[in-house]
Amino acid sequence: MDRRLIRTAVFGSPDSDEPALCPETAIDLDAFRREHDGITIWCGTMFEGGCGRQLTTRRCTDNRICHFAHYASSTGEHRCGRKANDKDSANHLFAKAHLASWLRAQDLLAEFTYPQPLGSAVEARLTDGRVLRVHLDRALPVTSTDDAWEILLGPGVRTTPDALAQRGYIHRIRFDDRASTGRTMQFGTELPGEGTTWENPSQVTVGADTLVTTAKPALLPPAPVAAREADSPAGRTIVTVDRAERPAVPAARQADPVQQAVQHFKAALPRHPGQVQAAVATMRRLLEENTLGPADAQKLRVAVGKGDRWLKERAQHRAAVIRELQAWPTPELYHQASELVKAADASPEERALVRAQEQAVQRRQNEALAASAARERQRADRQEAELREAQRRSREREERRQEAELREAQRRSREREERRQEAEAREHERELARQRQIEQDRNDRAQWHAPAVRGALKKAAREGRTTTWPEIADKTGQHRLSRFDHEDRLELLVLVEGATPADRPLWSTLLATADDDAALRLYRDVARRLGRPLPDGTNGLLAHLAAEQERLHRQ
C-alpha cells in the first residue's frame, strides 16, 4: 500500500459516483468499517486523476489521520494522479448525491451530468426541462448559460459585486464534515448588504421561478433591464459581464416579438398578476405559428411552462381561499377572495361564490359585535363579584405558590441526583463491557493466530535468520496479522511464549531488529509481561538481542 493520505473515494465500482469520505479518527473509522462491511471502495474514475484501482482503509493511531490507501501493485509500477488533490476534489460527487436526495424529498426527478473539466460543475436537468447548475471551479469564471434555470456557487467560488446587485440574490452551497453523518451540505442565500444566510436542505424548496429559502421566501423584483439578458429562458442567475462593456442592443432585436413577449411576461409576473394569463396566451400563440427558430421556441416553451405553473399555483390558492371563506366567512377572507377573483383567469363561478358570501360576512360581523357586547356585560358583572374576594384569593394563591415551588424544587433536586447516579452507573457498566469485549476479541485473535506464528518463528530460528510481521503474514497466509496493532501483537506473543522455558530465549527475539523502534518496544513489553529482565539502555538491549538470537539459531 502507498502512503498518500487519500480522504475521498467511491463505493461499489471504479466508475461509481457514490462518494465515500474516510473518517479521521480510529473510533469513527471502526464505525465506518462496520457500517460498510462487504462494500468495496475504489479510487474512482469520476475523480480528476483517479486510477480506478481498489482501495482499503488505513487505521492510524499516531499523529496521522485515518485515510484510504491503494492495495500494493504486483509490479510496483502503479501511479495515481490524485496525490496532490484534497477532499474538495470530490465536491462534485457530494453535491450530486445531496441534490438527488433533496429533489427526491420533493418528489422531483433529475438527470445529472458532470461538465468538463471533471469536477468543475454538476448539472441537474429536471423532468420539466429546467437545469440547476452547481459551479464548483474557483478558477473558472461564473457565467450564465442558455439552459441554466438557476446557478449555485460552490465553496470558495466568487463573483463580481455587480452580479449580486443586478440579480438581487446569489444562491450558494457549502459542505461540513461530521464524524457521525459524514459530509453534509447546506444551502446559502446571499443578499446585498446582508451577507449569506445558511439553511438545511429541508428548509429549501424548488419554486416556480427560483429556489425558495427562508432568506428569499418569495419572488424578488426583476433586475433592471440593463442587467437582464434578453434571451434567457428562466432568468439569468449570475451575470459577470460589466455593463460598461456590454454592446448596445440593435433596434431590430428590441422589436423581436419573442423577446417582447418574454419581457412582458417577466414584468407581469411579480407586479401585475392579472396580466400573466394574457402574456402566456401571447407566447403560446407565437409557438403555434411554427415560424420560430429552435432557440426562440425553447425560450418560449420554458417561459410558458413557468407561466402555467404560476397560474396553476395561483388558481389552487384562490380555490383554497374561497373554500375557507365558505367555511368561515370573515371580513379578512372576503377581502382576500375579492381581490383574487379580480384576476382574468378567475371563473364566473368563483366570482359568484365570493359575492354570495357578502351577506354571510355581514351577518357574522353583526353576530360578533353582539357577542362582544354580551361578553363585556358579563365581564363587568364578574369583575364586581371578584373584587370582593380578591384579597383572600391573593393570599391563598401566594401561600400555595410558595409551597408548590418548595415541593417542586425538592422534587427536581432528587430527580437530578437520581439521573446523575443512573447515568454514571450506566456509563461505568458500558465502559466495563466495552473493555471486556476488547480484551475478549484480542484474546480470541491471539488464540487463533498463535500456532501459526509460533511455527513461523521456530522455522526462522532453524534457518538462522530473523523475520518480520509482513513476512509471517505472507508465508502463513494469515494476512490479518499485518493489521494488528501493538496491543494485539503483545497479547499474541505472550500467548506464543507461554510454553517457552524460563532458561530458553524468547522466540519473539527474532522479530526485534535494531532499526525498528516499534519492534524493540514490543519486545520489551513481552519480556516485562513474562517477567524476563532486560538491560535498560539501548546498547545493552541490542547486545542482549544479538546473544539471544544467536542462541536460538544454535538450537
Protein backbone atom coordinates (compact mmCIF):
# COMPACT_ATOMS: atom_id res chain seq x y z
CA MET A 1 0.00 0.00 0.00
CA ASP A 2 1.15 3.58 -0.65
CA ARG A 3 1.44 6.30 2.00
CA ARG A 4 -0.68 9.03 0.34
CA LEU A 5 -3.41 10.40 2.59
CA ILE A 6 -6.43 9.96 0.32
CA ARG A 7 -9.61 11.06 2.13
CA THR A 8 -12.24 10.53 -0.61
CA ALA A 9 -13.21 7.54 -2.75
CA VAL A 10 -16.32 5.92 -4.29
CA PHE A 11 -18.33 2.87 -3.26
CA GLY A 12 -19.09 -0.19 -5.38
CA SER A 13 -17.07 0.10 -8.61
CA PRO A 14 -14.38 2.24 -10.31
CA ASP A 15 -16.96 4.17 -12.40
CA SER A 16 -19.36 4.80 -9.48
CA ASP A 17 -20.29 8.36 -8.46
CA GLU A 18 -21.39 7.41 -4.93
CA PRO A 19 -18.83 9.28 -2.77
CA ALA A 20 -17.11 8.00 0.35
CA LEU A 21 -15.33 10.14 2.97
CA CYS A 22 -12.84 8.44 5.29
CA PRO A 23 -13.25 9.44 8.97
CA GLU A 24 -10.19 10.98 10.59
CA THR A 25 -10.17 9.18 13.95
CA ALA A 26 -9.71 5.48 14.66
CA ILE A 27 -13.00 5.24 16.59
CA ASP A 28 -15.00 6.77 13.75
CA LEU A 29 -13.18 4.58 11.23
CA ASP A 30 -14.19 1.46 13.16
CA ALA A 31 -17.84 2.56 12.93
CA PHE A 32 -17.36 3.33 9.22
CA ARG A 33 -15.99 -0.18 8.60
CA ARG A 34 -18.92 -1.81 10.39
CA GLU A 35 -21.46 0.29 8.50
CA HIS A 36 -19.94 -0.50 5.08
CA ASP A 37 -18.89 -4.08 5.71
CA GLY A 38 -18.84 -6.01 2.43
CA ILE A 39 -18.87 -2.87 0.22
CA THR A 40 -15.78 -2.29 -1.91
CA ILE A 41 -14.06 1.11 -2.10
CA TRP A 42 -12.33 2.44 -5.23
CA CYS A 43 -10.11 5.25 -6.48
CA GLY A 44 -12.89 6.14 -8.93
CA THR A 45 -12.57 7.39 -12.48
CA MET A 46 -15.09 10.14 -11.66
CA PHE A 47 -12.24 11.93 -9.82
CA GLU A 48 -9.68 14.02 -11.67
CA GLY A 49 -6.64 11.75 -11.88
CA GLY A 50 -8.48 8.73 -10.39
CA CYS A 51 -6.74 5.47 -11.36
CA GLY A 52 -9.72 3.10 -10.94
CA ARG A 53 -7.91 0.74 -8.54
CA GLN A 54 -9.41 -0.71 -5.38
CA LEU A 55 -8.68 0.97 -2.03
CA THR A 56 -8.66 -0.11 1.58
CA THR A 57 -8.90 1.88 4.83
CA ARG A 58 -5.79 2.69 6.85
CA ARG A 59 -6.38 2.92 10.61
CA CYS A 60 -3.90 5.32 12.26
CA THR A 61 -3.40 5.80 15.98
CA ASP A 62 -0.30 8.02 15.73
CA ASN A 63 -0.16 11.65 14.62
CA ARG A 64 -1.61 10.91 11.18
CA ILE A 65 -5.33 10.83 10.38
CA CYS A 66 -7.05 7.70 9.09
CA HIS A 67 -7.27 7.54 5.31
CA PHE A 68 -7.81 5.38 2.21
CA ALA A 69 -4.83 3.61 0.64
CA HIS A 70 -4.21 1.70 -2.60
CA TYR A 71 -3.55 -2.01 -2.49
CA ALA A 72 0.04 -2.81 -3.41
CA SER A 73 0.72 -3.35 -7.12
CA SER A 74 2.29 -6.68 -8.10
CA THR A 75 4.64 -4.87 -10.50
CA GLY A 76 5.41 -1.96 -8.18
CA GLU A 77 4.96 0.47 -11.10
CA HIS A 78 1.47 1.83 -10.30
CA ARG A 79 0.99 5.59 -10.15
CA CYS A 80 -2.11 7.54 -9.17
CA GLY A 81 -2.85 11.11 -10.26
CA ARG A 82 -4.70 12.04 -7.05
CA LYS A 83 -1.63 12.54 -4.86
CA ALA A 84 -1.93 16.35 -4.85
CA ASN A 85 -5.75 16.51 -4.58
CA ASP A 86 -7.53 17.20 -1.29
CA LYS A 87 -11.04 16.13 -0.22
CA ASP A 88 -12.60 19.11 -2.03
CA SER A 89 -11.79 17.35 -5.33
CA ALA A 90 -14.85 15.17 -4.61
CA ASN A 91 -17.25 18.11 -4.12
CA HIS A 92 -18.98 17.36 -7.44
CA LEU A 93 -19.89 13.85 -6.26
CA PHE A 94 -21.07 15.01 -2.84
CA ALA A 95 -23.08 17.82 -4.48
CA LYS A 96 -24.77 15.33 -6.84
CA ALA A 97 -25.60 12.91 -4.02
CA HIS A 98 -27.10 15.60 -1.77
CA LEU A 99 -29.01 17.30 -4.60
CA ALA A 100 -30.53 13.99 -5.71
CA SER A 101 -31.70 13.23 -2.16
CA TRP A 102 -33.02 16.79 -1.76
CA LEU A 103 -35.00 16.62 -5.02
CA ARG A 104 -36.41 13.16 -4.19
CA ALA A 105 -37.74 14.56 -0.91
CA GLN A 106 -39.82 16.97 -3.04
CA ASP A 107 -40.98 14.21 -5.44
CA LEU A 108 -38.75 15.63 -8.19
CA LEU A 109 -36.55 13.60 -10.52
CA ALA A 110 -33.48 14.85 -12.37
CA GLU A 111 -30.82 13.64 -14.79
CA PHE A 112 -27.32 14.54 -13.58
CA THR A 113 -24.29 15.31 -15.76
CA TYR A 114 -20.71 16.38 -15.00
CA PRO A 115 -19.45 19.05 -17.45
CA GLN A 116 -15.78 19.16 -18.39
CA PRO A 117 -13.31 19.69 -16.87
CA LEU A 118 -14.40 16.95 -14.48
CA GLY A 119 -15.16 18.33 -11.03
CA SER A 120 -15.79 21.90 -12.19
CA ALA A 121 -19.60 21.68 -12.08
CA VAL A 122 -22.69 19.50 -11.67
CA GLU A 123 -25.88 19.91 -13.70
CA ALA A 124 -29.32 18.55 -12.74
CA ARG A 125 -31.92 18.59 -15.54
CA LEU A 126 -35.45 18.31 -14.12
CA THR A 127 -38.19 16.48 -15.98
CA ASP A 128 -39.79 19.81 -16.97
CA GLY A 129 -36.59 20.91 -18.73
CA ARG A 130 -35.23 23.27 -16.06
CA VAL A 131 -31.49 22.96 -15.40
CA LEU A 132 -29.98 23.51 -11.95
CA ARG A 133 -26.21 24.11 -12.21
CA VAL A 134 -23.67 23.95 -9.37
CA HIS A 135 -20.47 25.87 -10.20
CA LEU A 136 -17.52 24.43 -8.23
CA ASP A 137 -14.35 25.57 -10.04
CA ARG A 138 -12.85 28.57 -8.26
CA ALA A 139 -10.53 29.27 -11.20
CA LEU A 140 -13.19 29.38 -13.97
CA PRO A 141 -15.43 32.46 -14.37
CA VAL A 142 -19.07 32.15 -13.35
CA THR A 143 -21.21 32.54 -16.47
CA SER A 144 -24.88 32.06 -17.32
CA THR A 145 -25.87 29.50 -19.93
CA ASP A 146 -28.97 29.36 -22.10
CA ASP A 147 -30.29 26.27 -20.35
CA ALA A 148 -29.36 27.23 -16.77
CA TRP A 149 -32.50 27.89 -14.72
CA GLU A 150 -30.56 28.54 -11.51
CA ILE A 151 -26.84 28.56 -10.64
CA LEU A 152 -25.48 27.72 -7.20
CA LEU A 153 -21.92 28.72 -6.30
CA GLY A 154 -19.77 26.11 -4.58
CA PRO A 155 -17.35 26.65 -1.66
CA GLY A 156 -14.92 29.49 -2.30
CA VAL A 157 -16.39 30.48 -5.68
CA ARG A 158 -16.52 34.25 -6.04
CA THR A 159 -18.45 36.58 -8.32
CA THR A 160 -18.43 40.27 -9.11
CA PRO A 161 -20.20 42.83 -6.87
CA ASP A 162 -22.28 43.90 -9.90
CA ALA A 163 -23.70 40.39 -10.25
CA LEU A 164 -25.19 40.49 -6.74
CA ALA A 165 -26.63 43.97 -7.30
CA GLN A 166 -28.10 43.06 -10.69
CA ARG A 167 -29.66 39.77 -9.65
CA GLY A 168 -30.71 40.76 -6.14
CA TYR A 169 -29.52 37.47 -4.63
CA ILE A 170 -27.00 34.64 -5.13
CA HIS A 171 -27.53 31.01 -4.11
CA ARG A 172 -24.57 29.09 -2.65
CA ILE A 173 -23.75 25.68 -1.16
CA ARG A 174 -21.13 24.55 1.34
CA PHE A 175 -20.06 21.26 2.92
CA ASP A 176 -19.46 20.31 6.56
CA ASP A 177 -17.62 17.18 7.73
CA ARG A 178 -19.20 15.44 10.72
CA ALA A 179 -17.96 12.25 12.33
CA SER A 180 -21.42 10.69 12.73
CA THR A 181 -23.06 11.71 9.44
CA GLY A 182 -20.17 12.12 7.01
CA ARG A 183 -20.17 15.12 4.69
CA THR A 184 -23.32 17.26 4.84
CA MET A 185 -24.45 20.08 2.55
CA GLN A 186 -26.12 23.41 3.31
CA PHE A 187 -27.82 25.97 1.07
CA GLY A 188 -26.96 29.67 1.40
CA THR A 189 -28.69 32.79 0.09
CA GLU A 190 -26.57 35.94 -0.22
CA LEU A 191 -28.48 39.25 -0.28
CA PRO A 192 -26.99 42.74 -0.86
CA GLY A 193 -25.83 44.27 2.41
CA GLU A 194 -26.99 41.25 4.49
CA GLY A 195 -24.39 38.59 3.81
CA THR A 196 -25.22 34.90 3.39
CA THR A 197 -27.90 33.02 5.36
CA TRP A 198 -27.24 29.25 5.57
CA GLU A 199 -30.02 26.67 5.85
CA ASN A 200 -30.54 22.91 5.87
CA PRO A 201 -31.78 21.37 2.59
CA SER A 202 -35.13 20.62 4.26
CA GLN A 203 -35.73 24.38 4.52
CA VAL A 204 -35.23 25.00 0.77
CA THR A 205 -37.71 24.06 -1.98
CA VAL A 206 -37.90 24.31 -5.75
CA GLY A 207 -40.38 27.05 -6.64
CA ALA A 208 -41.90 28.04 -9.94
CA ASP A 209 -39.32 30.76 -10.59
CA THR A 210 -36.36 30.09 -8.31
CA LEU A 211 -35.31 28.33 -5.12
CA VAL A 212 -37.49 29.33 -2.16
CA THR A 213 -35.49 29.82 1.06
CA THR A 214 -36.04 31.49 4.41
CA ALA A 215 -33.84 34.42 3.35
CA LYS A 216 -35.65 34.65 -0.01
CA PRO A 217 -39.20 33.31 0.56
CA ALA A 218 -40.90 34.95 -2.41
CA LEU A 219 -40.12 36.34 -5.83
CA LEU A 220 -37.86 39.40 -5.80
CA PRO A 221 -38.50 42.33 -8.16
CA PRO A 222 -36.83 41.77 -11.54
CA ALA A 223 -33.39 43.22 -12.15
CA PRO A 224 -33.10 46.42 -14.25
CA VAL A 225 -33.43 45.90 -17.97
CA ALA A 226 -29.78 46.78 -18.47
CA ALA A 227 -28.80 43.93 -16.18
CA ARG A 228 -31.02 41.23 -17.77
CA GLU A 229 -30.14 39.04 -20.70
CA ALA A 230 -32.85 39.17 -23.39
CA ASP A 231 -32.61 35.55 -24.45
CA SER A 232 -32.65 33.86 -21.00
CA PRO A 233 -35.46 31.24 -20.77
CA ALA A 234 -35.96 31.43 -17.00
CA GLY A 235 -33.94 34.44 -15.87
CA ARG A 236 -30.16 34.63 -15.53
CA THR A 237 -28.82 33.72 -12.15
CA ILE A 238 -25.29 35.19 -12.30
CA VAL A 239 -24.06 37.80 -14.80
CA THR A 240 -20.39 38.69 -14.87
CA VAL A 241 -20.33 40.99 -17.90
CA ASP A 242 -19.61 44.59 -16.89
CA ARG A 243 -22.33 46.98 -18.01
CA ALA A 244 -19.78 49.42 -19.39
CA GLU A 245 -18.56 46.69 -21.77
CA ARG A 246 -21.98 45.42 -22.90
CA PRO A 247 -22.74 46.30 -26.56
CA ALA A 248 -25.93 48.18 -27.33
CA VAL A 249 -28.92 46.04 -28.36
CA PRO A 250 -29.80 46.67 -32.04
CA ALA A 251 -33.21 48.20 -32.76
CA ALA A 252 -34.25 45.13 -34.75
CA ARG A 253 -33.55 42.91 -31.74
CA GLN A 254 -35.52 45.24 -29.44
CA ALA A 255 -38.55 44.75 -31.71
CA ASP A 256 -38.23 40.95 -31.68
CA PRO A 257 -41.74 39.62 -30.79
CA VAL A 258 -40.28 36.68 -28.86
CA GLN A 259 -38.13 38.98 -26.75
CA GLN A 260 -41.02 41.39 -26.18
CA ALA A 261 -43.38 38.56 -25.19
CA VAL A 262 -40.89 37.14 -22.68
CA GLN A 263 -40.14 40.58 -21.23
CA HIS A 264 -43.86 41.37 -20.88
CA PHE A 265 -44.34 38.03 -19.12
CA LYS A 266 -41.47 38.71 -16.69
CA ALA A 267 -42.72 42.22 -15.95
CA ALA A 268 -46.27 40.97 -15.30
CA LEU A 269 -45.30 38.05 -13.08
CA PRO A 270 -44.37 39.84 -9.85
CA ARG A 271 -46.16 43.18 -10.28
CA HIS A 272 -49.27 42.64 -12.43
CA PRO A 273 -50.66 39.12 -11.79
CA GLY A 274 -53.78 39.90 -13.80
CA GLN A 275 -51.71 40.25 -16.98
CA VAL A 276 -49.94 36.90 -16.66
CA GLN A 277 -52.66 34.92 -18.44
CA ALA A 278 -52.62 37.32 -21.43
CA ALA A 279 -48.82 37.16 -21.59
CA VAL A 280 -48.89 33.34 -21.56
CA ALA A 281 -51.54 33.33 -24.29
CA THR A 282 -49.37 35.61 -26.44
CA MET A 283 -46.33 33.34 -26.05
CA ARG A 284 -48.43 30.24 -26.79
CA ARG A 285 -49.77 31.91 -29.96
CA LEU A 286 -46.21 32.62 -31.12
CA LEU A 287 -45.35 28.96 -30.58
CA GLU A 288 -48.38 27.82 -32.59
CA GLU A 289 -47.28 29.93 -35.57
CA ASN A 290 -44.41 27.44 -36.02
CA THR A 291 -42.12 30.04 -37.61
CA LEU A 292 -39.56 30.28 -34.82
CA GLY A 293 -36.01 29.04 -34.63
CA PRO A 294 -35.07 26.30 -32.13
CA ALA A 295 -33.57 28.76 -29.62
CA ASP A 296 -36.61 31.09 -29.61
CA ALA A 297 -39.02 28.15 -29.45
CA GLN A 298 -37.17 26.67 -26.47
CA LYS A 299 -37.15 30.08 -24.77
CA LEU A 300 -40.92 30.41 -25.19
CA ARG A 301 -41.60 26.83 -24.08
CA VAL A 302 -39.66 27.39 -20.84
CA ALA A 303 -41.47 30.70 -20.18
CA VAL A 304 -44.90 29.18 -20.99
CA GLY A 305 -44.18 26.27 -18.64
CA LYS A 306 -43.25 28.71 -15.89
CA GLY A 307 -46.40 30.76 -16.53
CA ASP A 308 -48.63 27.67 -16.49
CA ARG A 309 -47.13 26.57 -13.19
CA TRP A 310 -47.61 30.04 -11.72
CA LEU A 311 -51.24 30.24 -12.90
CA LYS A 312 -51.93 26.75 -11.58
CA GLU A 313 -50.47 27.57 -8.16
CA ARG A 314 -52.44 30.86 -8.05
CA ALA A 315 -55.66 29.05 -9.06
CA GLN A 316 -55.11 26.47 -6.33
CA HIS A 317 -54.51 29.24 -3.80
CA ARG A 318 -57.64 31.10 -4.94
CA ALA A 319 -59.76 27.95 -4.66
CA ALA A 320 -58.39 27.27 -1.16
CA VAL A 321 -59.23 30.82 -0.02
CA ILE A 322 -62.77 30.54 -1.41
CA ARG A 323 -63.30 27.19 0.34
CA GLU A 324 -62.07 28.68 3.61
CA LEU A 325 -64.36 31.69 3.09
CA GLN A 326 -67.37 29.40 2.64
CA ALA A 327 -66.49 27.51 5.81
CA TRP A 328 -65.66 30.63 7.85
CA PRO A 329 -66.95 33.87 6.24
CA THR A 330 -64.77 36.54 7.89
CA PRO A 331 -64.15 40.07 6.54
CA GLU A 332 -60.44 39.34 6.08
CA LEU A 333 -61.08 36.24 3.98
CA TYR A 334 -63.80 38.05 1.99
CA HIS A 335 -61.43 40.91 1.16
CA GLN A 336 -58.67 38.47 0.14
CA ALA A 337 -61.01 36.39 -2.02
CA SER A 338 -62.48 39.53 -3.66
CA GLU A 339 -59.01 40.61 -4.74
CA LEU A 340 -58.15 37.15 -6.08
CA VAL A 341 -61.29 36.79 -8.26
CA LYS A 342 -60.49 40.10 -9.98
CA ALA A 343 -57.82 38.26 -11.99
CA ALA A 344 -58.63 37.41 -15.60
CA ASP A 345 -58.18 33.68 -15.03
CA ALA A 346 -60.86 33.58 -12.29
CA SER A 347 -64.04 31.77 -13.37
CA PRO A 348 -67.57 33.26 -13.18
CA GLU A 349 -68.47 30.52 -10.71
CA GLU A 350 -65.66 31.64 -8.37
CA ARG A 351 -66.77 35.27 -8.59
CA ALA A 352 -70.39 34.23 -7.86
CA LEU A 353 -69.29 32.19 -4.84
CA VAL A 354 -67.43 35.18 -3.40
CA ARG A 355 -70.36 37.57 -3.98
CA ALA A 356 -72.71 35.08 -2.32
CA GLN A 357 -70.66 35.26 0.88
CA GLU A 358 -71.08 39.03 1.32
CA GLN A 359 -74.31 38.74 3.37
CA ALA A 360 -72.86 35.87 5.39
CA VAL A 361 -69.84 38.02 6.23
CA GLN A 362 -72.07 40.92 7.31
CA ARG A 363 -74.20 38.60 9.43
CA ARG A 364 -71.13 37.14 11.11
CA GLN A 365 -69.86 40.64 11.82
CA ASN A 366 -73.16 41.59 13.49
CA GLU A 367 -73.12 38.37 15.50
CA ALA A 368 -69.58 39.06 16.58
CA LEU A 369 -70.49 42.59 17.71
CA ALA A 370 -73.49 41.32 19.70
CA ALA A 371 -71.43 38.58 21.30
CA SER A 372 -68.73 41.11 22.17
CA ALA A 373 -71.27 43.38 23.91
CA ALA A 374 -72.69 40.44 25.88
CA ARG A 375 -69.22 39.40 26.93
CA GLU A 376 -68.47 42.95 28.07
CA ARG A 377 -71.58 42.97 30.31
CA GLN A 378 -70.70 39.59 31.76
CA ARG A 379 -67.15 40.76 32.35
CA ALA A 380 -68.34 43.78 34.33
CA ASP A 381 -70.56 41.58 36.49
CA ARG A 382 -67.75 39.16 37.16
CA GLN A 383 -65.37 41.97 37.97
CA GLU A 384 -67.76 43.33 40.61
CA ALA A 385 -68.09 39.88 42.23
CA GLU A 386 -64.44 39.08 42.04
CA LEU A 387 -63.38 42.36 43.61
CA ARG A 388 -64.84 41.32 46.98
CA GLU A 389 -62.80 38.12 47.03
CA ALA A 390 -59.59 39.45 45.53
CA GLN A 391 -57.53 39.87 48.70
CA ARG A 392 -58.47 36.48 50.13
CA ARG A 393 -57.69 34.66 46.88
CA SER A 394 -54.45 36.54 46.54
CA ARG A 395 -53.19 35.39 49.95
CA GLU A 396 -54.23 31.80 49.30
CA ARG A 397 -52.57 31.76 45.90
CA GLU A 398 -49.34 33.13 47.28
CA GLU A 399 -49.23 30.50 50.03
CA ARG A 400 -49.98 27.71 47.59
CA ARG A 401 -47.40 29.04 45.15
CA GLN A 402 -44.65 29.09 47.76
CA GLU A 403 -45.47 25.58 48.94
CA ALA A 404 -45.62 24.30 45.37
CA GLU A 405 -42.29 25.92 44.49
CA LEU A 406 -40.66 24.36 47.52
CA ARG A 407 -42.01 20.90 46.69
CA GLU A 408 -41.08 21.28 43.02
CA ALA A 409 -37.55 22.38 43.88
CA GLN A 410 -37.10 19.38 46.17
CA ARG A 411 -38.50 17.03 43.53
CA ARG A 412 -36.23 18.39 40.79
CA SER A 413 -33.21 18.12 43.07
CA ARG A 414 -33.97 14.47 43.84
CA GLU A 415 -34.58 13.66 40.17
CA ARG A 416 -31.32 15.32 39.08
CA GLU A 417 -29.34 13.35 41.63
CA GLU A 418 -31.04 10.09 40.65
CA ARG A 419 -30.43 10.73 36.94
CA ARG A 420 -26.81 11.58 37.61
CA GLN A 421 -26.23 8.40 39.58
CA GLU A 422 -28.04 6.27 37.00
CA ALA A 423 -26.06 7.85 34.15
CA GLU A 424 -22.77 7.26 35.95
CA ALA A 425 -23.71 3.66 36.64
CA ARG A 426 -24.73 3.04 33.02
CA GLU A 427 -21.58 4.68 31.69
CA HIS A 428 -19.41 2.65 34.03
CA GLU A 429 -21.13 -0.57 33.03
CA ARG A 430 -20.80 0.26 29.32
CA GLU A 431 -17.10 1.01 29.74
CA LEU A 432 -16.52 -2.25 31.59
CA ALA A 433 -18.43 -4.18 28.94
CA ARG A 434 -16.50 -2.48 26.16
CA GLN A 435 -13.15 -3.23 27.78
CA ARG A 436 -14.16 -6.84 28.39
CA GLN A 437 -15.22 -7.20 24.77
CA ILE A 438 -11.96 -5.64 23.52
CA GLU A 439 -9.92 -7.98 25.71
CA GLN A 440 -12.01 -10.98 24.64
CA ASP A 441 -11.66 -10.12 20.95
CA ARG A 442 -7.90 -9.63 21.34
CA ASN A 443 -7.56 -12.94 23.20
CA ASP A 444 -9.62 -14.75 20.54
CA ARG A 445 -7.40 -13.37 17.80
CA ALA A 446 -4.29 -14.37 19.72
CA GLN A 447 -5.60 -17.91 20.29
CA TRP A 448 -6.35 -18.25 16.57
CA HIS A 449 -3.02 -16.97 15.25
CA ALA A 450 -0.63 -18.24 17.99
CA PRO A 451 0.10 -21.71 16.48
CA ALA A 452 0.96 -20.26 13.07
CA VAL A 453 3.16 -17.50 14.50
CA ARG A 454 4.97 -19.93 16.83
CA GLY A 455 5.64 -22.24 13.90
CA ALA A 456 6.91 -19.37 11.72
CA LEU A 457 9.29 -18.17 14.48
CA LYS A 458 10.65 -21.66 15.04
CA LYS A 459 11.20 -22.11 11.32
CA ALA A 460 13.09 -18.79 11.18
CA ALA A 461 15.26 -19.97 14.11
CA ARG A 462 16.07 -23.22 12.32
CA GLU A 463 17.02 -21.30 9.18
CA GLY A 464 19.26 -18.97 11.19
CA ARG A 465 17.51 -15.71 10.34
CA THR A 466 15.17 -13.05 11.73
CA THR A 467 11.71 -12.32 10.37
CA THR A 468 9.01 -9.62 10.24
CA TRP A 469 5.28 -9.46 10.72
CA PRO A 470 4.55 -8.95 6.99
CA GLU A 471 6.75 -11.96 6.19
CA ILE A 472 4.93 -14.16 8.72
CA ALA A 473 1.55 -12.97 7.38
CA ASP A 474 2.60 -13.72 3.82
CA LYS A 475 4.11 -17.16 4.49
CA THR A 476 1.35 -18.36 6.80
CA GLY A 477 -1.49 -16.92 4.71
CA GLN A 478 -2.87 -15.14 7.79
CA HIS A 479 -2.89 -11.63 6.30
CA ARG A 480 -4.80 -10.10 9.18
CA LEU A 481 -1.53 -10.17 11.16
CA SER A 482 -0.28 -7.16 9.18
CA ARG A 483 -3.20 -5.12 10.54
CA PHE A 484 -2.57 -6.00 14.22
CA ASP A 485 -1.78 -3.03 16.47
CA HIS A 486 0.73 -3.02 19.32
CA GLU A 487 -1.65 -4.47 21.93
CA ASP A 488 -2.83 -7.25 19.56
CA ARG A 489 0.79 -8.28 18.87
CA LEU A 490 1.71 -8.12 22.54
CA GLU A 491 -1.15 -10.43 23.55
CA LEU A 492 -0.31 -12.80 20.68
CA LEU A 493 3.41 -13.06 21.55
CA VAL A 494 2.69 -13.56 25.26
CA LEU A 495 0.49 -16.49 24.25
CA VAL A 496 3.17 -17.79 21.83
CA GLU A 497 5.83 -17.67 24.59
CA GLY A 498 3.57 -19.30 27.17
CA ALA A 499 5.30 -22.65 26.78
CA THR A 500 8.87 -21.28 26.45
CA PRO A 501 11.03 -22.42 29.42
CA ALA A 502 12.48 -19.64 31.57
CA ASP A 503 16.06 -20.64 30.67
CA ARG A 504 15.42 -20.54 26.92
CA PRO A 505 15.47 -17.45 24.69
CA LEU A 506 12.14 -15.99 23.64
CA TRP A 507 11.06 -16.87 20.10
CA SER A 508 9.86 -13.29 19.65
CA THR A 509 13.51 -12.20 19.82
CA LEU A 510 13.61 -12.94 16.07
CA LEU A 511 11.07 -10.11 15.44
CA ALA A 512 13.19 -7.39 17.12
CA THR A 513 15.72 -5.51 14.98
CA ALA A 514 17.93 -2.53 15.76
CA ASP A 515 16.35 -0.29 13.09
CA ASP A 516 12.75 -0.84 14.22
CA ASP A 517 11.83 1.13 17.36
CA ALA A 518 8.30 -0.31 17.42
CA ALA A 519 9.68 -3.88 17.36
CA LEU A 520 12.11 -3.10 20.21
CA ARG A 521 9.33 -1.57 22.31
CA LEU A 522 7.15 -4.63 21.63
CA TYR A 523 10.00 -6.96 22.71
CA ARG A 524 10.45 -5.04 25.97
CA ASP A 525 6.70 -5.23 26.69
CA VAL A 526 6.65 -9.01 26.02
CA ALA A 527 9.64 -9.57 28.31
CA ARG A 528 8.05 -7.43 31.02
CA ARG A 529 4.79 -9.42 30.81
CA LEU A 530 6.73 -12.69 31.09
CA GLY A 531 8.97 -11.47 33.94
CA ARG A 532 12.14 -11.56 31.84
CA PRO A 533 14.70 -8.92 32.93
CA LEU A 534 16.27 -6.81 30.14
CA PRO A 535 19.09 -4.24 30.06
CA ASP A 536 17.89 -0.65 30.47
CA GLY A 537 19.99 1.04 27.82
CA THR A 538 19.59 0.67 24.08
CA ASN A 539 23.10 -0.65 23.51
CA GLY A 540 22.70 -3.23 26.23
CA LEU A 541 19.36 -4.29 24.78
CA LEU A 542 20.82 -4.69 21.28
CA ALA A 543 23.67 -6.78 22.66
CA HIS A 544 21.20 -8.92 24.56
CA LEU A 545 19.11 -9.38 21.39
CA ALA A 546 22.14 -10.45 19.38
CA ALA A 547 23.11 -13.00 22.00
CA GLU A 548 19.56 -14.40 22.31
CA GLN A 549 19.14 -14.64 18.53
CA GLU A 550 22.48 -16.49 18.34
CA ARG A 551 21.25 -18.95 20.97
CA LEU A 552 18.03 -19.53 19.01
CA HIS A 553 19.97 -20.17 15.80
CA ARG A 554 22.11 -22.80 17.58
CA GLN A 555 19.08 -24.68 19.00
